[in-house]
Amino acid sequence: MKAIVIKPKSPSEIKFLSELLKKLGIAANSMDIDEIEDEGLAVLMKKADRNKKVSREEIMKKLKY
């Protein structure tokens, strides 16, 4: 299933859209910007290649230690 992300401009628009979706019987949740960023990070982490190994030396080189 897919989702639609809507960015209302004001608290009154959030209230209006929430009430409209409720009347239509459509489940809706509100999220703040931190929660949206967390979701994006979770998606990127799931897509990451977990098979590739990196040596400690390479990590330290990137961190400049």
N, C-alpha and C. Protein backbone atom coordinates (compact mmCIF):
# COMPACT_ATOMS: atom_id res chain seq x y z
N MET A 1 0.83 -1.17 0.00
CA MET A 1 0.00 0.00 0.00
C MET A 1 0.88 1.24 0.00
N LYS A 2 0.44 2.27 -0.64
CA LYS A 2 1.18 3.52 -0.69
C LYS A 2 0.54 4.53 0.25
N ALA A 3 1.24 5.61 0.49
CA ALA A 3 0.75 6.68 1.36
C ALA A 3 0.89 8.01 0.63
N ILE A 4 0.12 8.97 1.06
CA ILE A 4 0.19 10.32 0.53
C ILE A 4 0.65 11.23 1.66
N VAL A 5 1.64 12.06 1.38
CA VAL A 5 2.12 13.03 2.37
C VAL A 5 1.58 14.39 1.98
N ILE A 6 0.90 15.03 2.93
CA ILE A 6 0.32 16.35 2.70
C ILE A 6 0.92 17.31 3.71
N LYS A 7 1.36 18.48 3.26
CA LYS A 7 1.96 19.46 4.17
C LYS A 7 1.05 20.68 4.27
N PRO A 8 0.13 20.67 5.24
CA PRO A 8 -0.75 21.83 5.43
C PRO A 8 0.04 23.08 5.81
N LYS A 9 -0.52 24.24 5.47
CA LYS A 9 0.16 25.50 5.73
C LYS A 9 -0.12 26.07 7.12
N SER A 10 -1.18 25.58 7.75
CA SER A 10 -1.56 26.15 9.05
C SER A 10 -2.24 25.09 9.92
N PRO A 11 -2.30 25.35 11.22
CA PRO A 11 -3.01 24.42 12.11
C PRO A 11 -4.48 24.25 11.73
N SER A 12 -5.10 25.28 11.19
CA SER A 12 -6.51 25.16 10.79
C SER A 12 -6.66 24.20 9.61
N GLU A 13 -5.68 24.20 8.70
CA GLU A 13 -5.71 23.25 7.58
C GLU A 13 -5.52 21.83 8.08
N ILE A 14 -4.66 21.64 9.07
CA ILE A 14 -4.45 20.31 9.65
C ILE A 14 -5.77 19.81 10.23
N LYS A 15 -6.44 20.66 10.98
CA LYS A 15 -7.71 20.28 11.60
C LYS A 15 -8.75 19.95 10.53
N PHE A 16 -8.86 20.81 9.52
CA PHE A 16 -9.82 20.59 8.44
C PHE A 16 -9.57 19.27 7.73
N LEU A 17 -8.32 19.02 7.35
CA LEU A 17 -8.00 17.79 6.63
C LEU A 17 -8.21 16.56 7.50
N SER A 18 -7.86 16.65 8.77
CA SER A 18 -8.05 15.53 9.68
C SER A 18 -9.53 15.18 9.81
N GLU A 19 -10.36 16.21 9.96
CA GLU A 19 -11.81 15.99 10.08
C GLU A 19 -12.38 15.42 8.78
N LEU A 20 -11.92 15.93 7.65
CA LEU A 20 -12.39 15.44 6.35
C LEU A 20 -12.04 13.97 6.16
N LEU A 21 -10.81 13.62 6.44
CA LEU A 21 -10.39 12.22 6.29
C LEU A 21 -11.15 11.30 7.23
N LYS A 22 -11.41 11.78 8.43
CA LYS A 22 -12.18 10.98 9.39
C LYS A 22 -13.59 10.73 8.87
N LYS A 23 -14.23 11.77 8.31
CA LYS A 23 -15.58 11.63 7.76
C LYS A 23 -15.60 10.68 6.57
N LEU A 24 -14.51 10.66 5.82
CA LEU A 24 -14.40 9.76 4.66
C LEU A 24 -14.02 8.34 5.06
N GLY A 25 -13.69 8.15 6.33
CA GLY A 25 -13.30 6.82 6.80
C GLY A 25 -11.89 6.43 6.42
N ILE A 26 -11.04 7.43 6.23
CA ILE A 26 -9.65 7.19 5.84
C ILE A 26 -8.76 7.41 7.06
N ALA A 27 -7.96 6.41 7.38
CA ALA A 27 -7.05 6.52 8.52
C ALA A 27 -5.98 7.55 8.23
N ALA A 28 -5.69 8.38 9.23
CA ALA A 28 -4.68 9.43 9.06
C ALA A 28 -3.93 9.63 10.37
N ASN A 29 -2.65 9.93 10.25
CA ASN A 29 -1.80 10.24 11.40
C ASN A 29 -1.02 11.50 11.08
N SER A 30 -0.80 12.32 12.09
CA SER A 30 0.03 13.49 11.88
C SER A 30 1.44 13.21 12.41
N MET A 31 2.42 13.83 11.78
CA MET A 31 3.82 13.65 12.16
C MET A 31 4.50 15.00 12.17
N ASP A 32 5.43 15.20 13.11
CA ASP A 32 6.20 16.43 13.08
C ASP A 32 7.45 16.20 12.23
N ILE A 33 8.22 17.23 12.01
CA ILE A 33 9.36 17.15 11.09
C ILE A 33 10.40 16.12 11.55
N ASP A 34 10.60 15.98 12.86
CA ASP A 34 11.56 15.00 13.36
C ASP A 34 11.12 13.57 13.03
N GLU A 35 9.83 13.30 13.15
CA GLU A 35 9.32 11.97 12.83
C GLU A 35 9.44 11.67 11.34
N ILE A 36 9.23 12.69 10.52
CA ILE A 36 9.37 12.51 9.07
C ILE A 36 10.83 12.19 8.73
N GLU A 37 11.77 12.91 9.34
CA GLU A 37 13.19 12.64 9.10
C GLU A 37 13.57 11.24 9.58
N ASP A 38 13.03 10.82 10.71
CA ASP A 38 13.31 9.48 11.22
C ASP A 38 12.83 8.41 10.24
N GLU A 39 11.66 8.61 9.66
CA GLU A 39 11.13 7.66 8.68
C GLU A 39 12.04 7.59 7.46
N GLY A 40 12.50 8.75 6.99
CA GLY A 40 13.40 8.77 5.84
C GLY A 40 14.70 8.05 6.14
N LEU A 41 15.24 8.26 7.33
CA LEU A 41 16.47 7.57 7.72
C LEU A 41 16.25 6.07 7.79
N ALA A 42 15.10 5.65 8.31
CA ALA A 42 14.79 4.21 8.40
C ALA A 42 14.74 3.58 7.01
N VAL A 43 14.16 4.29 6.05
CA VAL A 43 14.10 3.79 4.67
C VAL A 43 15.50 3.63 4.11
N LEU A 44 16.35 4.63 4.31
CA LEU A 44 17.73 4.55 3.80
C LEU A 44 18.50 3.42 4.45
N MET A 45 18.28 3.20 5.75
CA MET A 45 18.98 2.12 6.45
C MET A 45 18.54 0.76 5.93
N LYS A 46 17.28 0.61 5.58
CA LYS A 46 16.79 -0.66 5.04
C LYS A 46 17.38 -0.93 3.66
N LYS A 47 17.64 0.13 2.89
CA LYS A 47 18.19 -0.03 1.55
C LYS A 47 19.71 -0.22 1.55
N ALA A 48 20.35 0.04 2.67
CA ALA A 48 21.81 -0.02 2.73
C ALA A 48 22.32 -1.44 2.47
N ASP A 49 23.48 -1.52 1.83
CA ASP A 49 24.14 -2.80 1.58
C ASP A 49 24.78 -3.28 2.87
N ARG A 50 24.27 -4.35 3.43
CA ARG A 50 24.77 -4.86 4.71
C ARG A 50 25.80 -5.98 4.54
N ASN A 51 26.09 -6.31 3.30
CA ASN A 51 27.04 -7.39 3.05
C ASN A 51 28.48 -6.88 2.94
N LYS A 52 28.64 -5.67 2.54
CA LYS A 52 29.97 -5.10 2.35
C LYS A 52 30.60 -4.76 3.69
N LYS A 53 31.82 -5.21 3.89
CA LYS A 53 32.55 -4.95 5.14
C LYS A 53 33.59 -3.87 4.89
N VAL A 54 33.78 -3.03 5.90
CA VAL A 54 34.77 -1.97 5.82
C VAL A 54 35.74 -2.17 6.97
N SER A 55 37.03 -2.04 6.67
CA SER A 55 38.04 -2.25 7.71
C SER A 55 38.06 -1.10 8.70
N ARG A 56 38.59 -1.38 9.86
CA ARG A 56 38.72 -0.36 10.91
C ARG A 56 39.62 0.77 10.41
N GLU A 57 40.66 0.43 9.67
CA GLU A 57 41.58 1.43 9.15
C GLU A 57 40.87 2.42 8.21
N GLU A 58 40.01 1.89 7.36
CA GLU A 58 39.28 2.76 6.44
C GLU A 58 38.36 3.72 7.20
N ILE A 59 37.72 3.22 8.23
CA ILE A 59 36.84 4.06 9.05
C ILE A 59 37.64 5.16 9.73
N MET A 60 38.76 4.79 10.33
CA MET A 60 39.59 5.76 11.03
C MET A 60 40.16 6.80 10.06
N LYS A 61 40.46 6.35 8.84
CA LYS A 61 40.97 7.27 7.82
C LYS A 61 39.91 8.32 7.48
N LYS A 62 38.67 7.89 7.34
CA LYS A 62 37.57 8.82 7.07
C LYS A 62 37.33 9.77 8.23
N LEU A 63 37.51 9.25 9.45
CA LEU A 63 37.34 10.09 10.65
C LEU A 63 38.59 10.92 10.95
N LYS A 64 39.66 10.66 10.19
CA LYS A 64 40.94 11.36 10.32
C LYS A 64 41.60 11.14 11.68
N TYR A 65 41.61 9.90 12.11
CA TYR A 65 42.32 9.52 13.35
C TYR A 65 43.59 8.79 13.03
